[in-house]
PDB file of all heavy atoms in Angstrom:
ATOM      1  N   PRO A   1      15.645  -6.067  -2.607  1.00  0.00           N
ATOM      2  CA  PRO A   1      14.252  -6.531  -2.330  1.00  0.00           C
ATOM      3  C   PRO A   1      13.354  -6.383  -3.549  1.00  0.00           C
ATOM      4  O   PRO A   1      12.270  -5.739  -3.476  1.00  0.00           O
ATOM      5  CB  PRO A   1      13.820  -5.588  -1.216  1.00  0.00           C
ATOM      6  CG  PRO A   1      14.610  -4.319  -1.447  1.00  0.00           C
ATOM      7  CD  PRO A   1      15.917  -4.801  -1.974  1.00  0.00           C
ATOM      8  N   SER A   2      13.784  -6.928  -4.679  1.00  0.00           N
ATOM      9  CA  SER A   2      13.035  -6.708  -5.960  1.00  0.00           C
ATOM     10  C   SER A   2      11.639  -7.247  -5.876  1.00  0.00           C
ATOM     11  O   SER A   2      10.682  -6.561  -6.361  1.00  0.00           O
ATOM     12  CB  SER A   2      13.822  -7.360  -7.122  1.00  0.00           C
ATOM     13  OG  SER A   2      14.070  -8.687  -6.840  1.00  0.00           O
ATOM     14  N   THR A   3      11.392  -8.404  -5.265  1.00  0.00           N
ATOM     15  CA  THR A   3      10.024  -8.916  -5.167  1.00  0.00           C
ATOM     16  C   THR A   3       9.185  -8.022  -4.311  1.00  0.00           C
ATOM     17  O   THR A   3       8.033  -7.709  -4.661  1.00  0.00           O
ATOM     18  CB  THR A   3      10.080 -10.347  -4.607  1.00  0.00           C
ATOM     19  OG1 THR A   3      10.820 -11.185  -5.464  1.00  0.00           O
ATOM     20  CG2 THR A   3       8.626 -10.938  -4.500  1.00  0.00           C
ATOM     21  N   PHE A   4       9.693  -7.602  -3.185  1.00  0.00           N
ATOM     22  CA  PHE A   4       8.896  -6.756  -2.265  1.00  0.00           C
ATOM     23  C   PHE A   4       8.628  -5.380  -2.838  1.00  0.00           C
ATOM     24  O   PHE A   4       7.618  -4.797  -2.467  1.00  0.00           O
ATOM     25  CB  PHE A   4       9.662  -6.604  -0.928  1.00  0.00           C
ATOM     26  CG  PHE A   4       9.717  -7.875  -0.133  1.00  0.00           C
ATOM     27  CD1 PHE A   4      10.925  -8.498   0.081  1.00  0.00           C
ATOM     28  CD2 PHE A   4       8.600  -8.443   0.404  1.00  0.00           C
ATOM     29  CE1 PHE A   4      10.997  -9.703   0.807  1.00  0.00           C
ATOM     30  CE2 PHE A   4       8.626  -9.614   1.138  1.00  0.00           C
ATOM     31  CZ  PHE A   4       9.847 -10.226   1.331  1.00  0.00           C
ATOM     32  N   LEU A   5       9.460  -4.891  -3.721  1.00  0.00           N
ATOM     33  CA  LEU A   5       9.258  -3.552  -4.288  1.00  0.00           C
ATOM     34  C   LEU A   5       8.442  -3.599  -5.584  1.00  0.00           C
ATOM     35  O   LEU A   5       8.141  -2.536  -6.141  1.00  0.00           O
ATOM     36  CB  LEU A   5      10.595  -2.857  -4.525  1.00  0.00           C
ATOM     37  CG  LEU A   5      11.446  -2.620  -3.264  1.00  0.00           C
ATOM     38  CD1 LEU A   5      12.758  -2.015  -3.634  1.00  0.00           C
ATOM     39  CD2 LEU A   5      10.667  -1.697  -2.304  1.00  0.00           C
ATOM     40  N   SER A   6       8.131  -4.762  -6.057  1.00  0.00           N
ATOM     41  CA  SER A   6       7.394  -4.902  -7.323  1.00  0.00           C
ATOM     42  C   SER A   6       5.920  -5.017  -7.093  1.00  0.00           C
ATOM     43  O   SER A   6       5.434  -5.994  -6.543  1.00  0.00           O
ATOM     44  CB  SER A   6       7.890  -6.130  -8.083  1.00  0.00           C
ATOM     45  OG  SER A   6       7.006  -6.401  -9.204  1.00  0.00           O
ATOM     46  N   GLU A   7       5.172  -4.008  -7.547  1.00  0.00           N
ATOM     47  CA  GLU A   7       3.726  -4.049  -7.428  1.00  0.00           C
ATOM     48  C   GLU A   7       3.107  -5.134  -8.285  1.00  0.00           C
ATOM     49  O   GLU A   7       2.047  -5.663  -7.971  1.00  0.00           O
ATOM     50  CB  GLU A   7       3.108  -2.725  -7.887  1.00  0.00           C
ATOM     51  CG  GLU A   7       2.520  -1.756  -6.862  1.00  0.00           C
ATOM     52  CD  GLU A   7       1.896  -2.321  -5.617  1.00  0.00           C
ATOM     53  OE1 GLU A   7       0.733  -2.772  -5.653  1.00  0.00           O
ATOM     54  OE2 GLU A   7       2.515  -2.308  -4.601  1.00  0.00           O
ATOM     55  N   GLN A   8       3.801  -5.573  -9.341  1.00  0.00           N
ATOM     56  CA  GLN A   8       3.284  -6.619 -10.208  1.00  0.00           C
ATOM     57  C   GLN A   8       3.421  -8.014  -9.478  1.00  0.00           C
ATOM     58  O   GLN A   8       2.535  -8.838  -9.580  1.00  0.00           O
ATOM     59  CB  GLN A   8       4.036  -6.664 -11.560  1.00  0.00           C
ATOM     60  CG  GLN A   8       3.721  -5.512 -12.473  1.00  0.00           C
ATOM     61  CD  GLN A   8       4.325  -4.190 -12.014  1.00  0.00           C
ATOM     62  OE1 GLN A   8       5.418  -4.180 -11.507  1.00  0.00           O
ATOM     63  NE2 GLN A   8       3.587  -3.089 -12.208  1.00  0.00           N
ATOM     64  N   GLN A   9       4.584  -8.213  -8.812  1.00  0.00           N
ATOM     65  CA  GLN A   9       4.813  -9.490  -8.164  1.00  0.00           C
ATOM     66  C   GLN A   9       4.145  -9.589  -6.789  1.00  0.00           C
ATOM     67  O   GLN A   9       3.737 -10.650  -6.389  1.00  0.00           O
ATOM     68  CB  GLN A   9       6.329  -9.739  -8.026  1.00  0.00           C
ATOM     69  CG  GLN A   9       7.015  -9.945  -9.343  1.00  0.00           C
ATOM     70  CD  GLN A   9       8.495 -10.217  -9.138  1.00  0.00           C
ATOM     71  OE1 GLN A   9       8.869 -10.939  -8.222  1.00  0.00           O
ATOM     72  NE2 GLN A   9       9.334  -9.654  -9.998  1.00  0.00           N
ATOM     73  N   LEU A  10       4.076  -8.493  -6.077  1.00  0.00           N
ATOM     74  CA  LEU A  10       3.533  -8.457  -4.725  1.00  0.00           C
ATOM     75  C   LEU A  10       2.675  -7.187  -4.552  1.00  0.00           C
ATOM     76  O   LEU A  10       3.153  -6.223  -3.992  1.00  0.00           O
ATOM     77  CB  LEU A  10       4.658  -8.507  -3.709  1.00  0.00           C
ATOM     78  CG  LEU A  10       4.233  -8.672  -2.251  1.00  0.00           C
ATOM     79  CD1 LEU A  10       3.594 -10.025  -1.971  1.00  0.00           C
ATOM     80  CD2 LEU A  10       5.450  -8.495  -1.350  1.00  0.00           C
ATOM     81  N   PRO A  11       1.464  -7.191  -5.096  1.00  0.00           N
ATOM     82  CA  PRO A  11       0.649  -5.963  -5.013  1.00  0.00           C
ATOM     83  C   PRO A  11       0.233  -5.650  -3.565  1.00  0.00           C
ATOM     84  O   PRO A  11      -0.367  -6.477  -2.894  1.00  0.00           O
ATOM     85  CB  PRO A  11      -0.547  -6.284  -5.890  1.00  0.00           C
ATOM     86  CG  PRO A  11      -0.608  -7.756  -6.024  1.00  0.00           C
ATOM     87  CD  PRO A  11       0.770  -8.276  -5.769  1.00  0.00           C
ATOM     88  N   VAL A  12       0.554  -4.454  -3.138  1.00  0.00           N
ATOM     89  CA  VAL A  12       0.133  -4.001  -1.796  1.00  0.00           C
ATOM     90  C   VAL A  12      -0.632  -2.672  -1.893  1.00  0.00           C
ATOM     91  O   VAL A  12      -1.348  -2.323  -0.966  1.00  0.00           O
ATOM     92  CB  VAL A  12       1.294  -3.853  -0.843  1.00  0.00           C
ATOM     93  CG1 VAL A  12       1.924  -5.193  -0.520  1.00  0.00           C
ATOM     94  CG2 VAL A  12       2.354  -2.875  -1.350  1.00  0.00           C
ATOM     95  N   GLU A  13      -0.476  -1.976  -2.990  1.00  0.00           N
ATOM     96  CA  GLU A  13      -1.088  -0.656  -3.143  1.00  0.00           C
ATOM     97  C   GLU A  13      -2.482  -0.834  -3.748  1.00  0.00           C
ATOM     98  O   GLU A  13      -2.793  -0.371  -4.876  1.00  0.00           O
ATOM     99  CB  GLU A  13      -0.244   0.256  -3.998  1.00  0.00           C
ATOM    100  CG  GLU A  13       1.085   0.565  -3.404  1.00  0.00           C
ATOM    101  CD  GLU A  13       1.995   1.407  -4.269  1.00  0.00           C
ATOM    102  OE1 GLU A  13       1.511   1.935  -5.273  1.00  0.00           O
ATOM    103  OE2 GLU A  13       3.173   1.520  -3.906  1.00  0.00           O
ATOM    104  N   THR A  14      -3.356  -1.516  -3.015  1.00  0.00           N
ATOM    105  CA  THR A  14      -4.702  -1.842  -3.501  1.00  0.00           C
ATOM    106  C   THR A  14      -5.732  -0.789  -3.083  1.00  0.00           C
ATOM    107  O   THR A  14      -6.789  -0.689  -3.709  1.00  0.00           O
ATOM    108  CB  THR A  14      -5.160  -3.207  -3.031  1.00  0.00           C
ATOM    109  OG1 THR A  14      -5.091  -3.220  -1.571  1.00  0.00           O
ATOM    110  CG2 THR A  14      -4.256  -4.292  -3.593  1.00  0.00           C
ATOM    111  N   LEU A  15      -5.408   0.013  -2.123  1.00  0.00           N
ATOM    112  CA  LEU A  15      -6.303   1.103  -1.657  1.00  0.00           C
ATOM    113  C   LEU A  15      -5.542   2.415  -1.585  1.00  0.00           C
ATOM    114  O   LEU A  15      -4.273   2.433  -1.530  1.00  0.00           O
ATOM    115  CB  LEU A  15      -6.838   0.759  -0.251  1.00  0.00           C
ATOM    116  CG  LEU A  15      -7.632  -0.509  -0.121  1.00  0.00           C
ATOM    117  CD1 LEU A  15      -7.964  -0.768   1.353  1.00  0.00           C
ATOM    118  CD2 LEU A  15      -8.936  -0.412  -0.909  1.00  0.00           C
ATOM    119  N   ASN A  16      -6.234   3.520  -1.597  1.00  0.00           N
ATOM    120  CA  ASN A  16      -5.615   4.825  -1.468  1.00  0.00           C
ATOM    121  C   ASN A  16      -4.984   4.919  -0.052  1.00  0.00           C
ATOM    122  O   ASN A  16      -5.566   4.487   0.917  1.00  0.00           O
ATOM    123  CB  ASN A  16      -6.589   5.955  -1.681  1.00  0.00           C
ATOM    124  CG  ASN A  16      -7.074   6.015  -3.109  1.00  0.00           C
ATOM    125  OD1 ASN A  16      -6.343   5.651  -4.040  1.00  0.00           O
ATOM    126  ND2 ASN A  16      -8.317   6.457  -3.319  1.00  0.00           N
ATOM    127  N   THR A  17      -3.813   5.538   0.026  1.00  0.00           N
ATOM    128  CA  THR A  17      -3.148   5.725   1.285  1.00  0.00           C
ATOM    129  C   THR A  17      -3.920   6.803   2.084  1.00  0.00           C
ATOM    130  O   THR A  17      -4.181   7.885   1.594  1.00  0.00           O
ATOM    131  CB  THR A  17      -1.684   6.226   1.072  1.00  0.00           C
ATOM    132  OG1 THR A  17      -1.019   5.283   0.288  1.00  0.00           O
ATOM    133  CG2 THR A  17      -0.989   6.389   2.402  1.00  0.00           C
ATOM    134  N   PRO A  18      -4.301   6.462   3.338  1.00  0.00           N
ATOM    135  CA  PRO A  18      -5.056   7.461   4.125  1.00  0.00           C
ATOM    136  C   PRO A  18      -4.184   8.660   4.457  1.00  0.00           C
ATOM    137  O   PRO A  18      -2.987   8.499   4.769  1.00  0.00           O
ATOM    138  CB  PRO A  18      -5.413   6.718   5.424  1.00  0.00           C
ATOM    139  CG  PRO A  18      -4.911   5.330   5.277  1.00  0.00           C
ATOM    140  CD  PRO A  18      -4.133   5.243   4.034  1.00  0.00           C
ATOM    141  N   LYS A  19      -4.729   9.862   4.407  1.00  0.00           N
ATOM    142  CA  LYS A  19      -4.043  11.065   4.816  1.00  0.00           C
ATOM    143  C   LYS A  19      -4.301  11.369   6.282  1.00  0.00           C
ATOM    144  O   LYS A  19      -3.499  12.028   6.920  1.00  0.00           O
ATOM    145  CB  LYS A  19      -4.525  12.252   3.964  1.00  0.00           C
ATOM    146  CG  LYS A  19      -4.355  12.022   2.467  1.00  0.00           C
ATOM    147  CD  LYS A  19      -2.921  12.250   2.074  1.00  0.00           C
ATOM    148  CE  LYS A  19      -2.829  12.181   0.558  1.00  0.00           C
ATOM    149  NZ  LYS A  19      -1.857  11.294   0.067  1.00  0.00           N
ATOM    150  N   GLN A  20      -5.388  10.922   6.817  1.00  0.00           N
ATOM    151  CA  GLN A  20      -5.732  11.082   8.224  1.00  0.00           C
ATOM    152  C   GLN A  20      -6.718  10.033   8.617  1.00  0.00           C
ATOM    153  O   GLN A  20      -7.346   9.387   7.742  1.00  0.00           O
ATOM    154  CB  GLN A  20      -6.251  12.494   8.524  1.00  0.00           C
ATOM    155  CG  GLN A  20      -7.564  12.778   7.752  1.00  0.00           C
ATOM    156  CD  GLN A  20      -8.057  14.207   7.934  1.00  0.00           C
ATOM    157  OE1 GLN A  20      -7.283  15.033   8.377  1.00  0.00           O
ATOM    158  NE2 GLN A  20      -9.288  14.460   7.672  1.00  0.00           N
ATOM    159  N   ALA A  21      -6.859   9.809   9.885  1.00  0.00           N
ATOM    160  CA  ALA A  21      -7.828   8.843  10.415  1.00  0.00           C
ATOM    161  C   ALA A  21      -8.814   9.579  11.314  1.00  0.00           C
ATOM    162  O   ALA A  21      -8.405  10.457  12.075  1.00  0.00           O
ATOM    163  CB  ALA A  21      -7.113   7.732  11.191  1.00  0.00           C
ATOM    164  N   PRO A  22     -10.086   9.279  11.221  1.00  0.00           N
ATOM    165  CA  PRO A  22     -11.047   9.975  12.034  1.00  0.00           C
ATOM    166  C   PRO A  22     -10.868   9.622  13.495  1.00  0.00           C
ATOM    167  O   PRO A  22     -10.462   8.532  13.848  1.00  0.00           O
ATOM    168  CB  PRO A  22     -12.400   9.475  11.522  1.00  0.00           C
ATOM    169  CG  PRO A  22     -12.128   8.185  10.894  1.00  0.00           C
ATOM    170  CD  PRO A  22     -10.729   8.257  10.394  1.00  0.00           C
ATOM    171  N   CYS A  23     -11.125  10.570  14.347  1.00  0.00           N
ATOM    172  CA  CYS A  23     -11.057  10.352  15.810  1.00  0.00           C
ATOM    173  C   CYS A  23     -12.348   9.653  16.251  1.00  0.00           C
ATOM    174  O   CYS A  23     -13.424   9.952  15.776  1.00  0.00           O
ATOM    175  CB  CYS A  23     -10.937  11.714  16.497  1.00  0.00           C
ATOM    176  SG  CYS A  23     -10.779  11.575  18.268  1.00  0.00           S
ATOM    177  N   VAL A  24     -12.219   8.681  17.145  1.00  0.00           N
ATOM    178  CA  VAL A  24     -13.380   8.011  17.729  1.00  0.00           C
ATOM    179  C   VAL A  24     -13.665   8.679  19.029  1.00  0.00           C
ATOM    180  O   VAL A  24     -12.797   8.722  19.907  1.00  0.00           O
ATOM    181  CB  VAL A  24     -13.117   6.526  17.892  1.00  0.00           C
ATOM    182  CG1 VAL A  24     -14.288   5.821  18.518  1.00  0.00           C
ATOM    183  CG2 VAL A  24     -12.765   5.886  16.571  1.00  0.00           C
TER     184      VAL A  24
END
């Protein structure tokens, strides 16, 4: 899965990964 694993070809890490989500 070279295309899927390449941030240059398929950028998905555009935001910081959440560590937790607030409770509503």
